[in-house]
């Protein structure tokens, strides 16, 4: 059974860092594309970052709003994908989700692919950035 479980969220001050984790089971982590998405209250879901499978060289993509501040990675031995978030801003406040996809949408519109809706998703972890 495919399962993804996020953790690592919390309440932090602007300028702080957090590392989100996404522990997966039921599939081989680097065989799949992993995306991090977020959704703030009253807003649409936003693709934050994405790492492709090893079959397309683990390419990474970032939303312009987080480029230079967030880093996506994965540890296959730990079956965990990460999202390192530095210099957090109040506008980063949202519920963050990880998702797995069985193919690699390697282009700048990766987050808009409708196939994500039928992919596997975690339950989300809340990130609140506030002073």
Foldseek 3Di string as FASTA:
>chain_A
DWAWAKDWADEEAAQAKIKIKIAIDDDQQLQWKKWKWWDDPPDDIGTAKIFGHVVVPRDMDGDPVQPPFWDWDDDRVRNMIMIIGGRDDQVVWTWMKMWIDNHDPPDNCRVVDPVRVVTHMHPTDTHGYHD
